[in-house]
C-alpha atoms as a PDB file:
ATOM      1  CA  MET A   1      32.389 -20.979 -14.211  1.00  0.00           C
ATOM      2  CA  LYS A   2      28.648 -20.585 -13.695  1.00  0.00           C
ATOM      3  CA  ASN A   3      27.089 -17.135 -13.499  1.00  0.00           C
ATOM      4  CA  LYS A   4      25.498 -16.271 -10.163  1.00  0.00           C
ATOM      5  CA  GLU A   5      21.727 -16.208 -10.331  1.00  0.00           C
ATOM      6  CA  VAL A   6      20.371 -12.748  -9.615  1.00  0.00           C
ATOM      7  CA  GLU A   7      17.548 -12.436  -7.116  1.00  0.00           C
ATOM      8  CA  PHE A   8      15.430  -9.332  -6.700  1.00  0.00           C
ATOM      9  CA  LYS A   9      13.544  -8.051  -3.684  1.00  0.00           C
ATOM     10  CA  ILE A  10      10.592  -5.671  -3.365  1.00  0.00           C
ATOM     11  CA  ASP A  11      10.466  -4.215   0.143  1.00  0.00           C
ATOM     12  CA  LYS A  12       7.383  -2.970   1.982  1.00  0.00           C
ATOM     13  CA  ASP A  13       7.855   0.517   0.524  1.00  0.00           C
ATOM     14  CA  GLY A  14       8.122  -0.683  -3.085  1.00  0.00           C
ATOM     15  CA  THR A  15      11.896  -0.366  -3.364  1.00  0.00           C
ATOM     16  CA  TRP A  16      13.366  -2.837  -5.840  1.00  0.00           C
ATOM     17  CA  SER A  17      16.861  -4.165  -5.112  1.00  0.00           C
ATOM     18  CA  SER A  18      19.130  -7.020  -6.105  1.00  0.00           C
ATOM     19  CA  ASP A  19      22.439  -8.433  -4.977  1.00  0.00           C
ATOM     20  CA  TYR A  20      23.978  -5.461  -6.791  1.00  0.00           C
ATOM     21  CA  GLY A  21      22.055  -2.815  -4.839  1.00  0.00           C
ATOM     22  CA  GLU A  22      18.928  -0.710  -5.217  1.00  0.00           C
ATOM     23  CA  VAL A  23      17.272  -0.439  -8.616  1.00  0.00           C
ATOM     24  CA  LYS A  24      16.879   3.328  -8.897  1.00  0.00           C
ATOM     25  CA  HIS A  25      16.066   4.023 -12.539  1.00  0.00           C
ATOM     26  CA  PRO A  26      12.278   4.608 -12.827  1.00  0.00           C
ATOM     27  CA  ARG A  27      11.949   2.953 -16.248  1.00  0.00           C
ATOM     28  CA  ILE A  28      13.792  -0.161 -15.116  1.00  0.00           C
ATOM     29  CA  LYS A  29      11.618  -0.441 -11.987  1.00  0.00           C
ATOM     30  CA  ARG A  30       8.498   0.008 -14.117  1.00  0.00           C
ATOM     31  CA  TYR A  31       9.725  -2.631 -16.606  1.00  0.00           C
ATOM     32  CA  LEU A  32      10.440  -5.114 -13.804  1.00  0.00           C
ATOM     33  CA  SER A  33       6.907  -4.538 -12.461  1.00  0.00           C
ATOM     34  CA  GLN A  34       5.491  -5.101 -15.951  1.00  0.00           C
ATOM     35  CA  ILE A  35       7.225  -8.474 -16.363  1.00  0.00           C
ATOM     36  CA  LEU A  36       6.509  -9.696 -12.816  1.00  0.00           C
ATOM     37  CA  LYS A  37       4.824 -13.085 -12.693  1.00  0.00           C
ATOM     38  CA  GLU A  38       3.440 -15.163  -9.839  1.00  0.00           C
ATOM     39  CA  GLU A  39       2.918 -18.877  -9.650  1.00  0.00           C
ATOM     40  CA  ASN A  40       1.897 -20.687  -6.476  1.00  0.00           C
ATOM     41  CA  GLY A  41       3.010 -17.768  -4.313  1.00  0.00           C
ATOM     42  CA  ASN A  42       6.442 -17.553  -5.952  1.00  0.00           C
ATOM     43  CA  PHE A  43       7.345 -14.397  -7.849  1.00  0.00           C
ATOM     44  CA  THR A  44       9.678 -14.086 -10.812  1.00  0.00           C
ATOM     45  CA  VAL A  45      10.561 -11.531 -13.447  1.00  0.00           C
ATOM     46  CA  SER A  46      10.896 -12.970 -16.920  1.00  0.00           C
ATOM     47  CA  ASP A  47      11.541 -11.351 -20.289  1.00  0.00           C
ATOM     48  CA  GLY A  48      11.070 -14.603 -22.201  1.00  0.00           C
ATOM     49  CA  LYS A  49      14.815 -15.272 -22.415  1.00  0.00           C
ATOM     50  CA  SER A  50      15.833 -15.300 -18.786  1.00  0.00           C
ATOM     51  CA  SER A  51      14.166 -15.081 -15.416  1.00  0.00           C
ATOM     52  CA  ALA A  52      15.024 -14.240 -11.834  1.00  0.00           C
ATOM     53  CA  ARG A  53      13.307 -14.866  -8.523  1.00  0.00           C
ATOM     54  CA  VAL A  54      11.728 -11.983  -6.660  1.00  0.00           C
ATOM     55  CA  LYS A  55      11.238 -11.902  -2.888  1.00  0.00           C
ATOM     56  CA  VAL A  56       8.186  -9.815  -2.086  1.00  0.00           C
ATOM     57  CA  GLU A  57       8.202  -8.393   1.436  1.00  0.00           C
ATOM     58  CA  GLU A  58       4.583  -7.242   1.490  1.00  0.00           C
ATOM     59  CA  THR A  59       2.911  -6.549  -1.857  1.00  0.00           C
ATOM     60  CA  PRO A  60       4.287  -6.746  -5.391  1.00  0.00           C
ATOM     61  CA  PHE A  61       2.385  -3.710  -6.682  1.00  0.00           C
ATOM     62  CA  PHE A  62       1.721  -0.197  -5.449  1.00  0.00           C
ATOM     63  CA  VAL A  63      -1.045   2.297  -6.154  1.00  0.00           C
ATOM     64  CA  GLU A  64       0.821   5.505  -6.933  1.00  0.00           C
ATOM     65  CA  ALA A  65      -2.184   7.784  -7.411  1.00  0.00           C
ATOM     66  CA  ILE A  66      -5.928   7.741  -7.921  1.00  0.00           C
ATOM     67  CA  ARG A  67      -8.221   9.529 -10.329  1.00  0.00           C
ATOM     68  CA  GLU A  68     -11.876  10.150  -9.656  1.00  0.00           C
ATOM     69  CA  GLU A  69     -14.674   9.129 -11.994  1.00  0.00           C
ATOM     70  CA  LYS A  70     -17.456  11.673 -11.674  1.00  0.00           C
ATOM     71  CA  LYS A  71     -21.089  11.813 -12.640  1.00  0.00           C
ATOM     72  CA  ALA A  72     -23.196  14.923 -12.028  1.00  0.00           C
ATOM     73  CA  GLY A  73     -20.433  16.368  -9.847  1.00  0.00           C
ATOM     74  CA  LYS A  74     -20.230  13.317  -7.557  1.00  0.00           C
ATOM     75  CA  THR A  75     -17.340  10.870  -7.397  1.00  0.00           C
ATOM     76  CA  THR A  76     -18.801   7.540  -8.483  1.00  0.00           C
ATOM     77  CA  GLY A  77     -15.629   5.516  -8.990  1.00  0.00           C
ATOM     78  CA  ILE A  78     -11.896   5.476  -8.465  1.00  0.00           C
ATOM     79  CA  LEU A  79      -9.239   4.695 -11.050  1.00  0.00           C
ATOM     80  CA  LEU A  80      -5.967   3.323  -9.688  1.00  0.00           C
ATOM     81  CA  ILE A  81      -2.660   4.331 -11.238  1.00  0.00           C
ATOM     82  CA  ILE A  82      -0.400   1.311 -10.607  1.00  0.00           C
ATOM     83  CA  ASN A  83       3.410   1.341 -10.510  1.00  0.00           C
ATOM     84  CA  ASP A  84       3.580  -0.820 -13.679  1.00  0.00           C
ATOM     85  CA  ASP A  85       1.979   2.004 -15.722  1.00  0.00           C
ATOM     86  CA  THR A  86      -1.455   0.386 -15.814  1.00  0.00           C
ATOM     87  CA  ILE A  87      -4.735   1.987 -14.817  1.00  0.00           C
ATOM     88  CA  GLU A  88      -7.680   0.045 -13.528  1.00  0.00           C
ATOM     89  CA  LYS A  89     -10.912   0.617 -11.713  1.00  0.00           C
ATOM     90  CA  LEU A  90     -10.910   0.070  -7.958  1.00  0.00           C
ATOM     91  CA  ASP A  91     -13.119  -2.729  -6.680  1.00  0.00           C
ATOM     92  CA  PRO A  92     -14.065  -1.118  -3.330  1.00  0.00           C
ATOM     93  CA  SER A  93     -15.008  -4.483  -1.835  1.00  0.00           C
ATOM     94  CA  THR A  94     -11.309  -5.492  -1.915  1.00  0.00           C
ATOM     95  CA  LEU A  95     -10.043  -2.570   0.209  1.00  0.00           C
ATOM     96  CA  LYS A  96      -8.485  -3.633   3.501  1.00  0.00           C
ATOM     97  CA  ILE A  97      -6.684  -1.811   6.303  1.00  0.00           C
ATOM     98  CA  LYS A  98      -3.438  -3.400   7.466  1.00  0.00           C
ATOM     99  CA  LYS A  99      -2.237  -3.434  11.084  1.00  0.00           C
ATOM    100  CA  ASP A 100       0.065  -0.478  10.356  1.00  0.00           C
ATOM    101  CA  ASN A 101      -2.994   1.464   9.024  1.00  0.00           C
ATOM    102  CA  SER A 102      -1.795   1.265   5.419  1.00  0.00           C
ATOM    103  CA  ILE A 103      -4.410   0.376   2.817  1.00  0.00           C
ATOM    104  CA  ILE A 104      -4.296  -2.425   0.285  1.00  0.00           C
ATOM    105  CA  CYS A 105      -6.647  -3.637  -2.421  1.00  0.00           C
ATOM    106  CA  LYS A 106      -6.794  -6.381  -5.014  1.00  0.00           C
ATOM    107  CA  ILE A 107      -5.852  -5.620  -8.609  1.00  0.00           C
ATOM    108  CA  LYS A 108      -5.441  -7.449 -11.909  1.00  0.00           C
ATOM    109  CA  ASN A 109      -8.694  -9.408 -11.597  1.00  0.00           C
ATOM    110  CA  GLY A 110      -7.989 -10.167  -7.941  1.00  0.00           C
ATOM    111  CA  ARG A 111      -4.663 -11.927  -8.647  1.00  0.00           C
ATOM    112  CA  PHE A 112      -2.425  -9.443  -6.804  1.00  0.00           C
ATOM    113  CA  LYS A 113      -2.453  -7.153  -3.796  1.00  0.00           C
ATOM    114  CA  ALA A 114      -1.447  -3.529  -4.196  1.00  0.00           C
ATOM    115  CA  LYS A 115      -0.489  -1.196  -1.379  1.00  0.00           C
ATOM    116  CA  PHE A 116      -1.406   2.479  -1.555  1.00  0.00           C
ATOM    117  CA  THR A 117       1.617   4.767  -1.470  1.00  0.00           C
ATOM    118  CA  LEU A 118       1.376   7.599   1.024  1.00  0.00           C
ATOM    119  CA  SER A 119       0.226  10.109  -1.613  1.00  0.00           C
ATOM    120  CA  ALA A 120      -2.416   7.712  -2.988  1.00  0.00           C
ATOM    121  CA  TYR A 121      -3.496   6.946   0.597  1.00  0.00           C
ATOM    122  CA  TRP A 122      -4.161  10.625   1.272  1.00  0.00           C
ATOM    123  CA  GLN A 123      -6.070  10.962  -2.004  1.00  0.00           C
ATOM    124  CA  LEU A 124      -8.270   7.985  -1.089  1.00  0.00           C
ATOM    125  CA  ILE A 125      -8.856   9.160   2.495  1.00  0.00           C
ATOM    126  CA  GLU A 126     -10.726  12.175   1.113  1.00  0.00           C
ATOM    127  CA  HIS A 127     -13.504   9.690   0.261  1.00  0.00           C
ATOM    128  CA  VAL A 128     -13.575   7.947   3.646  1.00  0.00           C
ATOM    129  CA  ILE A 129     -16.269   8.720   6.191  1.00  0.00           C
ATOM    130  CA  GLU A 130     -16.765   7.611   9.774  1.00  0.00           C
ATOM    131  CA  GLU A 131     -20.115   6.473  11.132  1.00  0.00           C
ATOM    132  CA  GLU A 132     -20.546   5.128  14.658  1.00  0.00           C
ATOM    133  CA  GLY A 133     -16.839   4.352  14.986  1.00  0.00           C
ATOM    134  CA  LYS A 134     -16.616   2.483  11.672  1.00  0.00           C
ATOM    135  CA  PHE A 135     -14.975   3.698   8.478  1.00  0.00           C
ATOM    136  CA  TYR A 136     -16.433   3.523   4.987  1.00  0.00           C
ATOM    137  CA  LEU A 137     -15.358   4.442   1.485  1.00  0.00           C
ATOM    138  CA  LYS A 138     -18.121   6.663   0.105  1.00  0.00           C
ATOM    139  CA  LEU A 139     -18.515   7.040  -3.645  1.00  0.00           C
ATOM    140  CA  GLY A 140     -21.657   8.782  -4.830  1.00  0.00           C
ATOM    141  CA  ASP A 141     -24.577   7.321  -2.888  1.00  0.00           C
ATOM    142  CA  LYS A 142     -22.813   4.044  -2.105  1.00  0.00           C
ATOM    143  CA  LYS A 143     -20.469   3.143   0.722  1.00  0.00           C
ATOM    144  CA  TRP A 144     -18.218   0.171   1.446  1.00  0.00           C
ATOM    145  CA  PRO A 145     -16.882  -0.804   4.881  1.00  0.00           C
ATOM    146  CA  LEU A 146     -13.124  -0.545   5.393  1.00  0.00           C
ATOM    147  CA  GLU A 147     -12.223  -3.661   7.313  1.00  0.00           C
ATOM    148  CA  ALA A 148      -8.994  -4.966   8.767  1.00  0.00           C
ATOM    149  CA  GLU A 149      -7.010  -7.389   6.673  1.00  0.00           C
ATOM    150  CA  SER A 150      -7.156 -10.888   8.104  1.00  0.00           C
ATOM    151  CA  ASP A 151      -3.829 -12.694   8.439  1.00  0.00           C
END
């Protein structure tokens, strides 16, 4: 008798689940995010011995929090705390606003999209300004337009 192949899913809110139900343990979710791979738009988790497919509803990674980089009292950069326990610098040019007003950016050298969790969203919004009906991320003396994601 052949074992049933397990398939995982990451929903739009970052909830991991499988045929056996929701993956609730934080360390297991973090580990799955750490071993997530993508090839030609197909996602898998692989530990080197076995692998399983992963259906990604929206984005495979999530920004859980941000940390400010400051110089002379001004925020000059943003560090992203990602759900796989990595930290990387935000490339402001990759920020996009989705139709539901959530915010995404590119991470891992532009290979993946990451969606801002609600708490990270509110942290980032503190650095957003509006000028003439348009929104910008302002860091120090620089600003980047926040544009809608194209489909």
